[in-house]
Amino acid sequence: MKLARLALQRQCIFLSLSYHNEGKEPALQLEIGLFDSDKNLLQGRRDPVLMIGDKIVWRPNLHQPDGNYFVVCQYKKALSESQSEIWYQSWLPFRLSEAAKIGEVYVATEHIIFKNNIKPKEKLTIF
């Protein structure tokens, strides 16, 4: 996951995020959410499947240029009927702050956090 572009127009920030499936199997029930620092959902997106080698682009927007945020991507793997449902998550925390120059915003990302083997009752509610 990488932040690709940022634009500021009338106090609205448009993010451009790219997601690639570089794994060995499809990602099912892909859910992506943009959260504030209190983990309140601001925007979300759902795709039924992201096939191996496929890429999607998501462009959420923010109306507050300053603050701490998280982008969370969660999905489950294709399993046989005998296996229980397990989810996977990646978290990208970042901070936005207005720059001295009007129309510019600083983006400070932290390290991506990967969480594996999330049980269905422990996953985030995006939808």
Protein backbone atom coordinates (compact mmCIF):
# COMPACT_ATOMS: atom_id res chain seq x y z
CA MET A 1 0.00 0.00 0.00
CA LYS A 2 1.40 3.41 -0.82
CA LEU A 3 0.22 6.97 -0.74
CA ALA A 4 0.67 8.16 -4.26
CA ARG A 5 -0.68 11.68 -4.55
CA LEU A 6 -2.22 14.45 -2.50
CA ALA A 7 -4.20 17.51 -3.61
CA LEU A 8 -5.72 20.34 -1.58
CA GLN A 9 -8.79 22.13 -2.91
CA ARG A 10 -10.99 24.34 -0.70
CA GLN A 11 -9.95 22.56 2.49
CA CYS A 12 -10.62 19.15 0.98
CA ILE A 13 -7.70 16.76 0.61
CA PHE A 14 -7.88 14.02 -1.99
CA LEU A 15 -5.71 10.98 -1.32
CA SER A 16 -4.80 8.47 -3.99
CA LEU A 17 -4.06 4.98 -2.66
CA SER A 18 -2.99 1.94 -4.69
CA TYR A 19 -3.50 -1.63 -3.53
CA HIS A 20 -1.79 -4.56 -5.22
CA ASN A 21 -2.32 -8.25 -4.60
CA GLU A 22 1.20 -9.64 -4.68
CA GLY A 23 0.19 -12.79 -2.81
CA LYS A 24 -0.28 -16.34 -4.02
CA GLU A 25 -4.09 -16.41 -3.82
CA PRO A 26 -7.02 -14.02 -4.27
CA ALA A 27 -8.00 -11.62 -1.49
CA LEU A 28 -11.72 -12.03 -0.77
CA GLN A 29 -14.16 -9.46 0.62
CA LEU A 30 -11.54 -6.72 0.47
CA GLU A 31 -12.51 -3.78 2.67
CA ILE A 32 -10.57 -0.52 2.89
CA GLY A 33 -11.32 2.15 5.46
CA LEU A 34 -10.05 5.62 6.27
CA PHE A 35 -10.18 6.27 10.04
CA ASP A 36 -9.43 9.27 12.22
CA SER A 37 -7.16 9.11 15.28
CA ASP A 38 -10.06 7.85 17.44
CA LYS A 39 -10.64 5.03 14.93
CA ASN A 40 -13.91 6.52 13.70
CA LEU A 41 -14.64 5.47 10.13
CA LEU A 42 -14.54 8.43 7.71
CA GLN A 43 -14.89 6.57 4.39
CA GLY A 44 -14.81 3.01 3.16
CA ARG A 45 -14.69 0.86 0.08
CA ARG A 46 -15.50 -2.81 -0.52
CA ASP A 47 -14.52 -5.07 -3.40
CA PRO A 48 -15.63 -8.71 -3.61
CA VAL A 49 -12.24 -9.97 -4.76
CA LEU A 50 -8.75 -8.77 -5.67
CA MET A 51 -7.13 -11.36 -7.89
CA ILE A 52 -3.43 -12.22 -7.88
CA GLY A 53 -1.48 -9.48 -9.66
CA ASP A 54 -4.47 -7.12 -9.76
CA LYS A 55 -4.42 -3.52 -8.57
CA ILE A 56 -7.13 -1.13 -7.42
CA VAL A 57 -6.93 2.59 -6.78
CA TRP A 58 -9.01 4.27 -4.07
CA ARG A 59 -9.39 8.04 -3.77
CA PRO A 60 -10.96 9.04 -0.46
CA ASN A 61 -11.06 12.66 0.63
CA LEU A 62 -10.61 14.48 3.93
CA HIS A 63 -12.09 17.77 5.03
CA GLN A 64 -9.58 18.42 7.84
CA PRO A 65 -6.00 18.93 6.72
CA ASP A 66 -4.44 18.52 10.17
CA GLY A 67 -4.58 15.30 12.13
CA ASN A 68 -3.62 11.68 12.58
CA TYR A 69 -5.30 9.04 10.43
CA PHE A 70 -5.19 5.34 9.57
CA VAL A 71 -5.88 3.53 6.34
CA VAL A 72 -6.87 -0.06 7.07
CA CYS A 73 -7.17 -2.81 4.48
CA GLN A 74 -8.73 -6.10 5.56
CA TYR A 75 -9.52 -9.24 3.59
CA LYS A 76 -9.88 -12.96 3.95
CA LYS A 77 -8.18 -15.77 2.09
CA ALA A 78 -9.93 -18.45 0.08
CA LEU A 79 -10.28 -21.49 2.33
CA SER A 80 -11.65 -24.98 2.06
CA GLU A 81 -15.02 -25.63 3.68
CA SER A 82 -13.37 -27.41 6.61
CA GLN A 83 -11.27 -24.36 7.59
CA SER A 84 -12.54 -21.50 9.72
CA GLU A 85 -12.73 -17.95 8.40
CA ILE A 86 -9.54 -15.96 9.03
CA TRP A 87 -9.00 -12.30 8.17
CA TYR A 88 -5.84 -10.28 7.50
CA GLN A 89 -5.28 -6.57 8.02
CA SER A 90 -2.72 -3.95 7.09
CA TRP A 91 -2.67 -0.60 8.89
CA LEU A 92 -0.98 2.52 7.55
CA PRO A 93 -0.91 5.31 10.15
CA PHE A 94 -0.12 8.79 8.85
CA ARG A 95 -0.22 12.42 9.90
CA LEU A 96 -1.33 15.36 7.80
CA SER A 97 -0.32 18.92 8.56
CA GLU A 98 -0.73 22.10 6.60
CA ALA A 99 2.44 23.47 5.07
CA ALA A 100 3.53 27.09 5.24
CA LYS A 101 2.74 27.46 1.55
CA ILE A 102 -1.00 27.75 0.84
CA GLY A 103 -2.37 24.70 -0.95
CA GLU A 104 0.32 22.30 0.28
CA VAL A 105 0.06 19.61 2.94
CA TYR A 106 2.76 17.51 4.59
CA VAL A 107 2.19 13.76 4.81
CA ALA A 108 4.20 11.80 7.36
CA THR A 109 3.61 8.07 7.11
CA GLU A 110 4.62 5.50 9.69
CA HIS A 111 5.47 1.84 9.13
CA ILE A 112 2.74 -0.44 7.84
CA ILE A 113 1.48 -2.83 10.51
CA PHE A 114 0.42 -6.29 9.35
CA LYS A 115 -2.01 -8.30 11.46
CA ASN A 116 -2.66 -11.95 10.64
CA ASN A 117 -5.20 -14.52 11.79
CA ILE A 118 -7.92 -12.04 12.78
CA LYS A 119 -11.11 -13.84 13.79
CA PRO A 120 -14.34 -12.53 12.18
CA LYS A 121 -15.62 -11.09 15.47
CA GLU A 122 -12.32 -9.16 15.91
CA LYS A 123 -12.25 -7.46 12.48
CA LEU A 124 -13.11 -3.80 12.04
CA THR A 125 -16.61 -2.80 11.03
CA ILE A 126 -16.19 -0.91 7.79
CA PHE A 127 -19.53 -2.02 6.27
